[in-house]
Amino acid sequence: MRRAERALISLTDKSGCEDFAGALAAMGIEILSTGGTARQLRAGGLAVTDVSAFTGFPEMLDGRVKTLHPLVHGGILHQRGNAEHREQCQRHGIKPIDIVAVNLYAFAKAVAAPGCTLADAVEHIDIGGPTLLRAAAKNFQDVTVIVDPADYPQVLTELRAAGNTTLVTRFALARKVFELTAAYDAAIAQWLRGVDPAANPYFTGAEHA
């Protein structure tokens, strides 16, 4: 079994993230991160590589574009047992990302707040998070994806025992991701169905001028 080399950690729910990342670092696993997660991990004394340094491309558009880059998604999606994939990664300088720990913008919480506007709701629709999660879950053969801090202990136990998680665990975690992203998209669609363009100031430009 190939040992995990690199983890991408980008979290809205940061509970337990310092202990988790610290345990990964103690096993020699490089930590990639973004924004507030990177700042929190550094404040806890951990060495963190910013995703922007990893890709050579800055975060931009108010954080809308952070992880949408071939070096990130190639690192997650390439099949480690596929010689052609490995050759392409070597040619383009793509390094493997073996662990993805991500959770999503709290859309349901945002839209439940009094006075939430359509503009507010739109800013709480996560793009990069679901994309990372779905990429990692699709490639569960090679990548461990974690969307729930409750799964940190099992992942760490397996990493300490064998340098990687089991295929059965990776499959279970991937299934959890698709359940979550399906529910997340359903919540967005349901809320948007309640928006009446004829009566909403967003459509006159008042909310986003």
Protein backbone atom coordinates (compact mmCIF):
# COMPACT_ATOMS: atom_id res chain seq x y z
CA MET A 1 0.00 0.00 0.00
CA ARG A 2 1.36 3.43 -0.99
CA ARG A 3 1.93 5.78 1.94
CA ALA A 4 0.02 9.06 2.05
CA GLU A 5 2.31 12.00 1.30
CA ARG A 6 0.15 15.10 1.21
CA ALA A 7 -3.14 16.40 2.65
CA LEU A 8 -5.31 19.34 1.65
CA ILE A 9 -7.24 20.78 4.60
CA SER A 10 -9.77 23.59 4.02
CA LEU A 11 -12.53 23.80 6.58
CA THR A 12 -15.52 25.85 7.62
CA ASP A 13 -16.02 23.64 10.68
CA LYS A 14 -12.54 23.75 12.19
CA SER A 15 -13.29 21.62 15.24
CA GLY A 16 -10.42 19.25 15.88
CA CYS A 17 -8.47 20.43 12.84
CA GLU A 18 -5.30 21.39 14.71
CA ASP A 19 -5.03 18.00 16.39
CA PHE A 20 -5.80 16.23 13.13
CA ALA A 21 -3.30 18.24 11.09
CA GLY A 22 -0.70 17.91 13.85
CA ALA A 23 -1.06 14.14 13.80
CA LEU A 24 -0.66 14.10 10.02
CA ALA A 25 2.43 16.30 10.23
CA ALA A 26 3.91 14.00 12.87
CA MET A 27 3.65 11.19 10.30
CA GLY A 28 5.55 13.27 7.73
CA ILE A 29 2.49 14.23 5.69
CA GLU A 30 2.71 17.66 4.05
CA ILE A 31 -0.21 19.98 4.85
CA LEU A 32 -1.72 22.20 2.16
CA SER A 33 -4.36 24.70 3.21
CA THR A 34 -6.21 27.91 2.42
CA GLY A 35 -7.38 31.10 4.10
CA GLY A 36 -8.60 30.91 7.67
CA THR A 37 -7.73 27.24 8.03
CA ALA A 38 -4.10 27.90 7.13
CA ARG A 39 -3.94 30.82 9.57
CA GLN A 40 -5.38 28.73 12.40
CA LEU A 41 -3.02 25.84 11.76
CA ARG A 42 -0.01 28.18 11.66
CA ALA A 43 -1.16 29.83 14.89
CA GLY A 44 -1.09 26.34 16.39
CA GLY A 45 2.56 25.99 15.40
CA LEU A 46 2.12 23.79 12.32
CA ALA A 47 4.03 24.11 9.06
CA VAL A 48 1.50 24.74 6.28
CA THR A 49 1.92 25.25 2.54
CA ASP A 50 -0.60 27.69 1.12
CA VAL A 51 -2.43 26.28 -1.89
CA SER A 52 -1.49 29.47 -3.74
CA ALA A 53 2.21 28.65 -3.15
CA PHE A 54 1.60 25.05 -4.22
CA THR A 55 -0.03 26.10 -7.50
CA GLY A 56 1.92 29.31 -8.11
CA PHE A 57 -1.41 31.08 -8.62
CA PRO A 58 -2.93 33.52 -6.09
CA GLU A 59 -6.32 33.29 -4.44
CA MET A 60 -8.53 35.77 -6.26
CA LEU A 61 -12.05 37.12 -6.85
CA ASP A 62 -12.73 37.53 -3.12
CA GLY A 63 -11.72 33.93 -2.50
CA ARG A 64 -14.01 32.49 -5.17
CA VAL A 65 -10.98 30.98 -6.90
CA LYS A 66 -8.59 29.21 -4.54
CA THR A 67 -8.36 25.52 -5.31
CA LEU A 68 -9.71 25.32 -8.88
CA HIS A 69 -6.38 24.50 -10.49
CA PRO A 70 -4.93 21.52 -12.43
CA LEU A 71 -2.13 21.04 -9.88
CA VAL A 72 -4.77 20.54 -7.19
CA HIS A 73 -7.31 18.50 -9.11
CA GLY A 74 -4.68 16.56 -11.03
CA GLY A 75 -3.06 15.70 -7.71
CA ILE A 76 -6.38 14.38 -6.42
CA LEU A 77 -7.83 12.73 -9.52
CA HIS A 78 -4.92 10.87 -11.08
CA GLN A 79 -5.01 7.11 -10.65
CA ARG A 80 -1.82 6.03 -8.93
CA GLY A 81 -1.85 2.63 -10.63
CA ASN A 82 -2.23 4.09 -14.12
CA ALA A 83 1.18 4.45 -15.82
CA GLU A 84 -0.14 7.00 -18.31
CA HIS A 85 -1.57 9.13 -15.50
CA ARG A 86 1.74 8.95 -13.62
CA GLU A 87 3.69 9.98 -16.73
CA GLN A 88 1.38 12.95 -17.35
CA CYS A 89 1.69 14.05 -13.73
CA GLN A 90 5.46 13.83 -13.89
CA ARG A 91 5.54 15.79 -17.14
CA HIS A 92 3.37 18.59 -15.73
CA GLY A 93 4.80 18.68 -12.20
CA ILE A 94 1.65 17.38 -10.55
CA LYS A 95 2.21 16.02 -7.04
CA PRO A 96 -0.22 13.59 -5.39
CA ILE A 97 -2.76 14.82 -2.87
CA ASP A 98 -3.76 11.74 -0.91
CA ILE A 99 -6.03 13.17 1.81
CA VAL A 100 -8.71 15.83 1.34
CA ALA A 101 -10.40 17.23 4.46
CA VAL A 102 -13.01 19.78 3.45
CA ASN A 103 -16.39 20.94 4.63
CA LEU A 104 -18.73 23.42 3.06
CA TYR A 105 -19.96 26.98 3.51
CA ALA A 106 -22.91 26.88 5.87
CA PHE A 107 -25.60 27.73 3.31
CA ALA A 108 -28.57 26.55 5.41
CA LYS A 109 -27.40 28.57 8.41
CA ALA A 110 -26.87 31.67 6.27
CA VAL A 111 -30.30 31.63 4.67
CA ALA A 112 -31.97 30.98 8.04
CA ALA A 113 -30.58 34.26 9.40
CA PRO A 114 -33.10 37.14 9.61
CA GLY A 115 -32.84 39.50 6.67
CA CYS A 116 -30.84 37.16 4.44
CA THR A 117 -30.99 38.51 0.91
CA LEU A 118 -30.51 36.69 -2.37
CA ALA A 119 -27.08 38.31 -2.69
CA ASP A 120 -26.16 36.99 0.77
CA ALA A 121 -27.39 33.52 -0.13
CA VAL A 122 -25.45 33.44 -3.39
CA GLU A 123 -22.21 34.26 -1.57
CA HIS A 124 -22.77 31.21 0.66
CA ILE A 125 -23.02 28.79 -2.26
CA ASP A 126 -19.79 26.81 -2.09
CA ILE A 127 -18.09 25.97 -5.39
CA GLY A 128 -14.54 24.90 -4.60
CA GLY A 129 -15.52 22.75 -1.62
CA PRO A 130 -17.97 20.46 -3.43
CA THR A 131 -15.60 20.25 -6.39
CA LEU A 132 -12.73 19.08 -4.17
CA LEU A 133 -14.98 16.66 -2.32
CA ARG A 134 -16.46 15.14 -5.45
CA ALA A 135 -13.03 14.79 -7.08
CA ALA A 136 -11.60 13.04 -4.01
CA ALA A 137 -14.68 10.85 -3.59
CA LYS A 138 -14.62 9.82 -7.25
CA ASN A 139 -11.00 8.70 -6.81
CA PHE A 140 -11.61 6.85 -3.53
CA GLN A 141 -9.43 4.06 -4.87
CA ASP A 142 -6.45 6.29 -4.05
CA VAL A 143 -7.69 9.26 -2.00
CA THR A 144 -9.08 9.58 1.52
CA VAL A 145 -11.79 12.23 1.69
CA ILE A 146 -13.09 13.56 5.01
CA VAL A 147 -16.11 15.81 5.34
CA ASP A 148 -16.96 15.11 9.00
CA PRO A 149 -14.54 15.74 11.92
CA ALA A 150 -16.01 12.65 13.59
CA ASP A 151 -14.07 10.58 11.04
CA TYR A 152 -10.65 11.98 12.00
CA PRO A 153 -9.88 9.32 14.65
CA GLN A 154 -10.48 6.34 12.36
CA VAL A 155 -8.42 7.90 9.57
CA LEU A 156 -5.52 8.60 11.94
CA THR A 157 -5.65 5.09 13.40
CA GLU A 158 -5.36 3.54 9.94
CA LEU A 159 -2.65 5.95 8.81
CA ARG A 160 -0.56 5.17 11.89
CA ALA A 161 -1.01 1.43 11.38
CA ALA A 162 -0.24 1.19 7.66
CA GLY A 163 0.65 4.60 6.24
CA ASN A 164 -2.71 4.86 4.50
CA THR A 165 -6.38 4.10 4.99
CA THR A 166 -8.06 0.93 3.77
CA LEU A 167 -10.04 0.82 0.55
CA VAL A 168 -13.17 -0.09 2.51
CA THR A 169 -12.79 3.03 4.65
CA ARG A 170 -12.12 5.23 1.64
CA PHE A 171 -15.26 3.92 -0.05
CA ALA A 172 -17.39 4.59 3.05
CA LEU A 173 -16.03 8.12 3.31
CA ALA A 174 -16.67 8.73 -0.41
CA ARG A 175 -20.26 7.58 -0.07
CA LYS A 176 -20.70 10.04 2.81
CA VAL A 177 -19.44 12.84 0.58
CA PHE A 178 -21.97 12.17 -2.18
CA GLU A 179 -24.78 12.02 0.36
CA LEU A 180 -23.69 15.38 1.75
CA THR A 181 -23.21 17.15 -1.58
CA ALA A 182 -26.59 15.87 -2.81
CA ALA A 183 -28.29 17.27 0.30
CA TYR A 184 -26.34 20.53 -0.01
CA ASP A 185 -27.42 21.10 -3.62
CA ALA A 186 -31.00 20.14 -2.74
CA ALA A 187 -31.06 22.76 0.04
CA ILE A 188 -29.83 25.44 -2.37
CA ALA A 189 -32.39 24.49 -5.01
CA GLN A 190 -35.22 24.44 -2.46
CA TRP A 191 -34.33 27.91 -1.15
CA LEU A 192 -34.00 29.37 -4.65
CA ARG A 193 -37.44 28.00 -5.55
CA GLY A 194 -38.83 30.38 -2.94
CA VAL A 195 -37.34 33.45 -4.63
CA ASP A 196 -39.77 35.44 -6.77
CA PRO A 197 -37.82 37.49 -9.35
CA ALA A 198 -40.77 39.80 -9.85
CA ALA A 199 -40.67 40.85 -6.19
CA ASN A 200 -36.97 40.62 -5.39
CA PRO A 201 -34.73 43.72 -5.42
CA TYR A 202 -31.78 41.66 -6.65
CA PHE A 203 -33.28 41.69 -10.14
CA THR A 204 -33.40 45.50 -10.27
CA GLY A 205 -29.71 45.65 -9.43
CA ALA A 206 -30.35 47.13 -5.99
CA GLU A 207 -28.66 44.27 -4.14
CA HIS A 208 -25.56 43.93 -6.27
CA ALA A 209 -24.86 47.32 -7.81
